[in-house]
Amino acid sequence: MSDIAGTKPALRWVVHASVIFLVVLWVVPTLGLLISSFRTADQIATSGWWRSLFPSEQNLTLRSAAPETQVQENGLYVIEGNLFEGEPTAKISKWGVSSRAVDAFVPGETAELRRGGTITVDADGNYRMENPEEFTGSRGARVFVTAELPPEFTLANYHKVLLAEDSTDSMGRAFFNTLTVTIPATIIPILVAAFAAYALAWMDFPGRALLIAAVVGLLVVPLQLALIPLLKFHLNIGIGKGYLGVWMAHTGFGMPLAIYLLRNYMAGLPRDLIENARVDGATEFQIFTKLILPLSFPALASFAIFQFLWTWNDLLVAKVFLIDASGQTTVMTNRIVELLGTRGGNWEILATAAFVSIAVPLAVFFAMQKYLVRGLLAGSVK
């Protein structure tokens, strides 16, 4: 055998490669989301996040200076300036004066303007407009350019999500509403499942095996099947669509996994410990509260992580069971959908709002991740 004491398993490299693959599989998309949250909409539309440190070629619509800035030189009315005034310097490769032919000219060539006169644009964005007659109108001429822009990072996306007047109040309210949903929806199933798990693990009563089988069977039932019947039940008993309803829904959907996970962990605790406590006169409630609960903290923490993440990131259950005092479902996930716009094209806002949303779950995960593996492996080894 190659897996004896003092030797390394032959397939140890497979384990290491699998771990590295899983880490990369999780880190790379998260890193891409983080980088995208600091990029502009144009940059996201023209190049991937992995090219964020390199110049990108973009199609821009710019305007010359207004006619009021024109001066007269040698009998001609002239307007001069730079198309990129107030923006990062870029190199123009092609340009045009019509949206149907944005690449009709190269830098240095001269084009005829529709309202009369000519315009010449160079690679740096400098332009010169000439016209024997006075330029008219209130705005400058539109110029379509294809330019290579340097990389740009901005905090404007975070400002729009967190500080903009039209989103600050709703985002802050959505944050606290999500906490109001998530914290009770995490604590309630843990409390109920802990009692049930102890009973299924250490108390003898008729039908215990059938209850365990039923719990395992409920793990595979899709929650979508129960949404409408459960909502009708809530409406019939007077719970309605509110916080109590969404708490009960999350509790019911999370209970099977909680009972299964905690029961497996508690069943793996030393039997002598439980029997000695009973010999000493401890009641079942005292054994549960003073022995089982402290020893089961890894399993409790691991389920708490899962339940917190599920409820924090939930949209479907909140949409079905929750309408707050404002008459809307104001949770973080629903607010992110609203920030996307009706056409769903504001990807820079999506990336930023997503990182604002995952800040709390990340803090919870890293604070309790040391208990995660211990809790998940509970009961697998005797």
Protein backbone atom coordinates (compact mmCIF):
# COMPACT_ATOMS: atom_id res chain seq x y z
CA MET A 1 0.00 0.00 0.00
CA SER A 2 1.25 3.48 -0.87
CA ASP A 3 -0.92 5.14 1.80
CA ILE A 4 0.82 3.71 4.88
CA ALA A 5 2.20 5.78 7.74
CA GLY A 6 5.23 7.83 6.81
CA THR A 7 4.49 7.88 3.08
CA LYS A 8 2.53 10.27 0.90
CA PRO A 9 -0.59 9.06 -0.93
CA ALA A 10 0.00 8.43 -4.62
CA LEU A 11 -2.93 10.64 -5.62
CA ARG A 12 -2.18 13.49 -3.25
CA TRP A 13 -1.48 15.77 -6.19
CA VAL A 14 -5.04 15.19 -7.40
CA VAL A 15 -6.37 16.53 -4.11
CA HIS A 16 -4.12 19.59 -4.31
CA ALA A 17 -5.08 20.23 -7.93
CA SER A 18 -8.78 19.94 -7.08
CA VAL A 19 -8.44 22.41 -4.22
CA ILE A 20 -6.57 24.89 -6.42
CA PHE A 21 -9.20 24.50 -9.14
CA LEU A 22 -12.05 25.20 -6.73
CA VAL A 23 -10.28 28.22 -5.28
CA VAL A 24 -9.63 29.66 -8.74
CA LEU A 25 -13.20 28.87 -9.78
CA TRP A 26 -14.49 31.00 -6.89
CA VAL A 27 -11.88 33.75 -6.78
CA VAL A 28 -11.66 34.63 -10.50
CA PRO A 29 -15.34 35.60 -10.99
CA THR A 30 -15.32 37.49 -7.69
CA LEU A 31 -12.19 39.36 -8.70
CA GLY A 32 -13.75 40.18 -12.06
CA LEU A 33 -16.87 41.51 -10.33
CA LEU A 34 -14.75 43.68 -8.04
CA ILE A 35 -12.74 45.16 -10.91
CA SER A 36 -15.90 45.76 -12.96
CA SER A 37 -17.44 47.70 -10.08
CA PHE A 38 -14.75 50.38 -10.54
CA ARG A 39 -15.03 50.58 -14.36
CA THR A 40 -17.24 52.79 -16.50
CA ALA A 41 -20.15 51.49 -18.59
CA ASP A 42 -18.28 52.14 -21.85
CA GLN A 43 -15.23 50.19 -20.71
CA ILE A 44 -17.35 47.25 -19.57
CA ALA A 45 -19.17 47.23 -22.92
CA THR A 46 -15.98 47.26 -25.02
CA SER A 47 -13.55 45.01 -23.13
CA GLY A 48 -13.46 42.33 -20.45
CA TRP A 49 -12.30 42.98 -16.91
CA TRP A 50 -9.05 41.08 -17.58
CA ARG A 51 -8.09 43.89 -19.98
CA SER A 52 -8.88 46.65 -17.48
CA LEU A 53 -5.19 47.57 -17.12
CA PHE A 54 -4.72 47.99 -20.87
CA PRO A 55 -6.01 50.65 -23.28
CA SER A 56 -9.35 49.84 -24.90
CA GLU A 57 -10.80 50.92 -28.23
CA GLN A 58 -14.19 52.63 -27.91
CA ASN A 59 -16.68 54.39 -30.14
CA LEU A 60 -17.43 57.83 -28.71
CA THR A 61 -19.82 60.60 -29.64
CA LEU A 62 -18.24 63.99 -28.95
CA ARG A 63 -19.08 67.61 -29.73
CA SER A 64 -17.08 70.57 -30.85
CA ALA A 65 -17.27 73.92 -29.09
CA ALA A 66 -20.46 75.96 -29.47
CA PRO A 67 -20.72 78.46 -32.39
CA GLU A 68 -20.47 81.32 -29.91
CA THR A 69 -16.75 80.56 -29.54
CA GLN A 70 -15.97 81.13 -33.22
CA VAL A 71 -13.44 83.74 -34.30
CA GLN A 72 -12.79 85.33 -37.68
CA GLU A 73 -9.44 84.69 -39.40
CA ASN A 74 -8.59 85.81 -42.96
CA GLY A 75 -12.23 86.05 -43.92
CA LEU A 76 -13.16 82.66 -42.46
CA TYR A 77 -15.09 81.82 -39.32
CA VAL A 78 -12.96 79.39 -37.28
CA ILE A 79 -13.66 77.17 -34.24
CA GLU A 80 -10.71 75.34 -32.70
CA GLY A 81 -10.32 73.10 -29.68
CA ASN A 82 -9.88 69.55 -28.48
CA LEU A 83 -12.65 66.96 -28.53
CA PHE A 84 -11.35 65.35 -25.32
CA GLU A 85 -11.35 68.52 -23.25
CA GLY A 86 -11.98 67.54 -19.63
CA GLU A 87 -11.55 63.80 -20.41
CA PRO A 88 -8.55 61.44 -20.53
CA THR A 89 -6.26 61.89 -23.51
CA ALA A 90 -6.89 59.31 -26.23
CA LYS A 91 -5.61 58.44 -29.68
CA ILE A 92 -8.14 58.60 -32.51
CA SER A 93 -7.85 55.96 -35.22
CA LYS A 94 -11.00 56.78 -37.22
CA TRP A 95 -13.70 59.42 -37.12
CA GLY A 96 -16.81 60.67 -38.92
CA VAL A 97 -19.53 63.30 -38.86
CA SER A 98 -22.46 60.93 -39.44
CA SER A 99 -23.76 58.09 -37.28
CA ARG A 100 -24.04 55.99 -40.44
CA ALA A 101 -20.33 56.34 -41.20
CA VAL A 102 -18.46 56.71 -37.92
CA ASP A 103 -15.22 55.48 -39.53
CA ALA A 104 -15.33 57.45 -42.80
CA PHE A 105 -12.15 59.46 -42.12
CA VAL A 106 -8.73 58.95 -40.60
CA PRO A 107 -6.90 61.58 -38.51
CA GLY A 108 -5.70 64.53 -40.58
CA GLU A 109 -8.48 64.32 -43.20
CA THR A 110 -11.12 66.99 -43.71
CA ALA A 111 -14.87 66.40 -43.77
CA GLU A 112 -17.79 68.48 -45.00
CA LEU A 113 -20.30 69.48 -42.34
CA ARG A 114 -24.01 69.19 -43.06
CA ARG A 115 -24.67 72.77 -41.98
CA GLY A 116 -21.84 74.12 -44.05
CA GLY A 117 -18.13 74.41 -43.50
CA THR A 118 -15.43 71.82 -42.94
CA ILE A 119 -13.78 70.13 -39.99
CA THR A 120 -10.34 68.57 -39.64
CA VAL A 121 -9.49 66.25 -36.76
CA ASP A 122 -6.07 64.90 -35.81
CA ALA A 123 -5.13 61.84 -33.77
CA ASP A 124 -4.91 63.75 -30.49
CA GLY A 125 -8.45 65.09 -30.78
CA ASN A 126 -7.48 68.58 -31.91
CA TYR A 127 -9.93 69.94 -34.49
CA ARG A 128 -10.35 73.00 -36.67
CA MET A 129 -13.66 74.04 -38.18
CA GLU A 130 -13.77 76.57 -41.01
CA ASN A 131 -16.68 78.22 -42.74
CA PRO A 132 -16.88 81.24 -45.04
CA GLU A 133 -20.23 81.98 -43.39
CA GLU A 134 -20.92 82.36 -39.70
CA PHE A 135 -21.64 79.15 -37.77
CA THR A 136 -25.17 79.10 -36.38
CA GLY A 137 -26.97 77.11 -33.72
CA SER A 138 -26.68 76.66 -29.97
CA ARG A 139 -24.54 73.51 -29.87
CA GLY A 140 -21.38 72.32 -31.52
CA ALA A 141 -21.15 69.77 -34.30
CA ARG A 142 -21.27 66.07 -33.42
CA VAL A 143 -18.14 64.09 -34.16
CA PHE A 144 -18.06 60.29 -33.99
CA VAL A 145 -14.63 58.91 -33.14
CA THR A 146 -13.04 55.51 -32.66
CA ALA A 147 -10.34 56.09 -30.06
CA GLU A 148 -8.01 54.10 -27.88
CA LEU A 149 -8.63 55.20 -24.30
CA PRO A 150 -6.29 54.57 -21.37
CA PRO A 151 -7.54 52.43 -18.47
CA GLU A 152 -9.82 54.31 -16.09
CA PHE A 153 -11.15 53.45 -12.64
CA THR A 154 -13.81 55.44 -10.86
CA LEU A 155 -15.76 55.57 -7.60
CA ALA A 156 -18.79 57.05 -9.34
CA ASN A 157 -20.58 53.69 -9.33
CA TYR A 158 -20.31 53.39 -5.55
CA HIS A 159 -21.36 57.02 -5.19
CA LYS A 160 -24.49 56.34 -7.25
CA VAL A 161 -25.39 53.23 -5.27
CA LEU A 162 -24.61 54.53 -1.76
CA LEU A 163 -24.78 58.33 -1.85
CA ALA A 164 -26.96 59.42 -4.77
CA GLU A 165 -30.14 61.15 -3.58
CA ASP A 166 -32.40 58.89 -5.63
CA SER A 167 -30.92 55.67 -4.23
CA THR A 168 -29.47 56.39 -0.78
CA ASP A 169 -32.72 56.17 1.19
CA SER A 170 -34.01 53.10 -0.63
CA MET A 171 -30.66 51.27 -0.47
CA GLY A 172 -30.26 52.00 3.24
CA ARG A 173 -33.83 50.90 3.91
CA ALA A 174 -33.28 47.77 1.84
CA PHE A 175 -30.14 46.97 3.86
CA PHE A 176 -31.96 47.14 7.22
CA ASN A 177 -35.01 45.33 5.81
CA THR A 178 -32.75 42.51 4.66
CA LEU A 179 -31.21 42.31 8.13
CA THR A 180 -34.72 42.23 9.59
CA VAL A 181 -35.53 39.26 7.39
CA THR A 182 -32.23 37.41 7.66
CA ILE A 183 -31.43 37.45 11.39
CA PRO A 184 -34.74 35.94 12.65
CA ALA A 185 -34.89 33.59 9.64
CA THR A 186 -31.48 32.27 10.72
CA ILE A 187 -32.07 32.05 14.47
CA ILE A 188 -35.58 30.53 14.46
CA PRO A 189 -34.78 27.36 12.45
CA ILE A 190 -31.62 26.79 14.50
CA LEU A 191 -33.55 26.91 17.77
CA VAL A 192 -36.33 24.63 16.58
CA ALA A 193 -34.05 22.22 14.71
CA ALA A 194 -31.69 21.86 17.67
CA PHE A 195 -34.49 20.51 19.90
CA ALA A 196 -35.73 18.20 17.14
CA ALA A 197 -32.22 16.96 16.35
CA TYR A 198 -31.54 16.11 19.99
CA ALA A 199 -34.79 14.17 20.22
CA LEU A 200 -34.03 12.22 17.04
CA ALA A 201 -30.46 11.50 18.15
CA TRP A 202 -30.77 10.59 21.85
CA MET A 203 -34.41 10.02 22.79
CA ASP A 204 -36.22 6.73 22.16
CA PHE A 205 -39.85 7.01 21.06
CA PRO A 206 -42.08 5.22 18.53
CA GLY A 207 -41.71 6.37 14.93
CA ARG A 208 -38.29 7.96 15.34
CA ALA A 209 -36.87 6.14 12.31
CA LEU A 210 -39.82 7.24 10.18
CA LEU A 211 -39.31 10.85 11.22
CA ILE A 212 -35.63 10.66 10.28
CA ALA A 213 -36.56 9.21 6.88
CA ALA A 214 -39.14 11.97 6.40
CA VAL A 215 -36.54 14.65 7.16
CA VAL A 216 -34.15 13.13 4.63
CA GLY A 217 -36.96 12.99 2.06
CA LEU A 218 -37.83 16.65 2.57
CA LEU A 219 -34.28 17.61 1.62
CA VAL A 220 -35.02 16.88 -2.04
CA VAL A 221 -38.39 18.66 -2.26
CA PRO A 222 -38.07 21.86 -4.37
CA LEU A 223 -39.25 24.89 -2.43
CA GLN A 224 -40.96 26.22 -5.58
CA LEU A 225 -43.60 23.50 -5.19
CA ALA A 226 -44.61 24.84 -1.79
CA LEU A 227 -44.63 28.59 -2.50
CA ILE A 228 -48.25 29.05 -3.61
CA PRO A 229 -49.85 26.53 -1.18
CA LEU A 230 -47.87 28.02 1.69
CA LEU A 231 -48.85 31.58 0.71
CA LYS A 232 -52.54 30.56 0.61
CA PHE A 233 -52.15 28.99 4.04
CA HIS A 234 -50.57 32.17 5.42
CA LEU A 235 -53.41 34.26 4.00
CA ASN A 236 -56.07 31.92 5.43
CA ILE A 237 -54.67 32.01 8.97
CA GLY A 238 -54.12 35.77 8.90
CA ILE A 239 -50.32 35.98 8.69
CA GLY A 240 -50.49 37.70 5.30
CA LYS A 241 -47.49 38.98 3.37
CA GLY A 242 -45.18 40.45 5.98
CA TYR A 243 -42.10 39.78 8.04
CA LEU A 244 -43.74 37.00 10.07
CA GLY A 245 -44.73 35.23 6.87
CA VAL A 246 -41.26 35.38 5.32
CA TRP A 247 -39.68 34.26 8.64
CA MET A 248 -41.96 31.22 8.77
CA ALA A 249 -41.32 30.43 5.11
CA HIS A 250 -37.54 30.52 5.48
CA THR A 251 -37.84 28.49 8.69
CA GLY A 252 -39.85 25.79 6.96
CA PHE A 253 -37.58 25.62 3.93
CA GLY A 254 -34.41 25.50 6.06
CA MET A 255 -35.64 23.09 8.71
CA PRO A 256 -34.92 19.75 6.96
CA LEU A 257 -31.24 20.53 6.38
CA ALA A 258 -30.88 21.97 9.88
CA ILE A 259 -32.37 18.88 11.54
CA TYR A 260 -30.36 16.51 9.35
CA LEU A 261 -27.07 18.33 9.93
CA LEU A 262 -27.51 18.78 13.69
CA ARG A 263 -28.86 15.27 14.23
CA ASN A 264 -25.81 13.72 12.54
CA TYR A 265 -23.48 15.81 14.68
CA MET A 266 -25.26 15.12 17.96
CA ALA A 267 -25.47 11.39 17.23
CA GLY A 268 -21.67 11.35 16.97
CA LEU A 269 -21.12 12.72 20.47
CA PRO A 270 -19.88 10.23 23.13
CA ARG A 271 -22.72 8.12 24.52
CA ASP A 272 -20.99 7.79 27.88
CA LEU A 273 -21.25 11.54 28.34
CA ILE A 274 -25.03 11.49 27.94
CA GLU A 275 -25.52 8.39 30.10
CA ASN A 276 -23.34 9.74 32.91
CA ALA A 277 -25.35 12.95 32.93
CA ARG A 278 -28.57 10.94 33.25
CA VAL A 279 -27.10 8.87 36.08
CA ASP A 280 -26.21 12.10 37.89
CA GLY A 281 -29.87 13.11 37.72
CA ALA A 282 -29.78 15.61 34.89
CA THR A 283 -33.00 16.09 32.99
CA GLU A 284 -33.20 15.89 29.22
CA PHE A 285 -33.51 19.68 29.05
CA GLN A 286 -30.41 20.15 31.23
CA ILE A 287 -28.45 17.66 29.13
CA PHE A 288 -29.50 19.49 25.98
CA THR A 289 -28.73 23.00 27.18
CA LYS A 290 -25.57 22.36 29.23
CA LEU A 291 -23.90 19.54 27.27
CA ILE A 292 -25.27 19.10 23.77
CA LEU A 293 -25.58 22.73 22.69
CA PRO A 294 -22.03 23.78 23.71
CA LEU A 295 -20.55 20.68 22.07
CA SER A 296 -22.64 21.19 18.92
CA PHE A 297 -21.46 24.73 18.23
CA PRO A 298 -19.51 23.78 15.03
CA ALA A 299 -22.65 22.25 13.51
CA LEU A 300 -24.78 25.20 14.63
CA ALA A 301 -22.29 27.65 13.15
CA SER A 302 -22.03 25.79 9.84
CA PHE A 303 -25.80 25.77 9.37
CA ALA A 304 -26.00 29.40 10.45
CA ILE A 305 -23.58 30.31 7.66
CA PHE A 306 -25.65 28.51 5.03
CA GLN A 307 -28.98 29.83 6.27
CA PHE A 308 -27.68 33.39 6.54
CA LEU A 309 -26.31 33.30 2.99
CA TRP A 310 -29.48 31.78 1.56
CA THR A 311 -31.84 34.26 3.21
CA TRP A 312 -29.60 37.29 2.56
CA ASN A 313 -29.33 36.48 -1.15
CA ASP A 314 -32.94 35.38 -1.54
CA LEU A 315 -35.27 37.15 -3.94
CA LEU A 316 -37.95 34.58 -4.78
CA VAL A 317 -39.23 33.92 -1.25
CA ALA A 318 -39.14 37.62 -0.40
CA LYS A 319 -41.11 38.46 -3.55
CA VAL A 320 -43.80 35.93 -2.64
CA PHE A 321 -44.13 36.42 1.13
CA LEU A 322 -42.98 39.97 1.91
CA ILE A 323 -44.57 43.36 1.36
CA ASP A 324 -43.43 45.97 3.89
CA ALA A 325 -45.09 49.17 5.09
CA SER A 326 -44.17 50.96 1.85
CA GLY A 327 -46.16 48.44 -0.18
CA GLN A 328 -43.04 47.05 -1.86
CA THR A 329 -40.52 44.25 -1.40
CA THR A 330 -37.57 46.39 -0.32
CA VAL A 331 -34.76 43.91 0.22
CA MET A 332 -31.22 44.19 -1.16
CA THR A 333 -31.71 41.71 -3.99
CA ASN A 334 -34.86 43.44 -5.21
CA ARG A 335 -33.18 46.84 -4.95
CA ILE A 336 -30.30 45.60 -7.12
CA VAL A 337 -32.80 44.52 -9.78
CA GLU A 338 -34.32 48.01 -9.71
CA LEU A 339 -30.91 49.65 -10.05
CA LEU A 340 -30.29 47.72 -13.26
CA GLY A 341 -32.93 49.72 -15.07
CA THR A 342 -35.77 48.56 -17.26
CA ARG A 343 -33.43 47.25 -19.96
CA GLY A 344 -30.96 45.59 -17.60
CA GLY A 345 -27.93 47.22 -19.22
CA ASN A 346 -26.33 49.02 -16.29
CA TRP A 347 -23.71 46.36 -15.65
CA GLU A 348 -21.41 48.71 -13.78
CA ILE A 349 -24.21 49.35 -11.26
CA LEU A 350 -24.90 45.62 -11.00
CA ALA A 351 -21.28 44.87 -10.12
CA THR A 352 -21.14 47.65 -7.54
CA ALA A 353 -24.47 46.81 -5.92
CA ALA A 354 -23.47 43.15 -5.80
CA PHE A 355 -20.34 43.96 -3.81
CA VAL A 356 -22.29 46.20 -1.46
CA SER A 357 -24.73 43.33 -0.97
CA ILE A 358 -22.11 40.62 -0.28
CA ALA A 359 -20.15 42.66 2.28
CA VAL A 360 -22.14 41.33 5.26
CA PRO A 361 -22.26 37.67 4.09
CA LEU A 362 -18.50 37.74 3.50
CA ALA A 363 -17.93 39.08 7.02
CA VAL A 364 -20.15 36.33 8.47
CA PHE A 365 -18.46 33.62 6.42
CA PHE A 366 -14.89 34.57 7.30
CA ALA A 367 -15.79 35.02 10.96
CA MET A 368 -17.27 31.50 11.23
CA GLN A 369 -15.61 29.55 8.42
CA LYS A 370 -13.35 27.60 10.81
CA TYR A 371 -16.47 25.78 12.07
CA LEU A 372 -17.84 25.08 8.59
CA VAL A 373 -15.91 21.92 7.71
CA ARG A 374 -16.19 20.51 11.22
CA GLY A 375 -19.93 20.94 11.14
CA LEU A 376 -20.40 19.51 7.63
CA LEU A 377 -18.30 16.42 8.37
CA ALA A 378 -20.19 15.75 11.57
CA GLY A 379 -21.31 12.17 11.85
CA SER A 380 -19.37 11.00 8.83
CA VAL A 381 -16.68 9.32 10.93
CA LYS A 382 -17.33 7.24 14.05
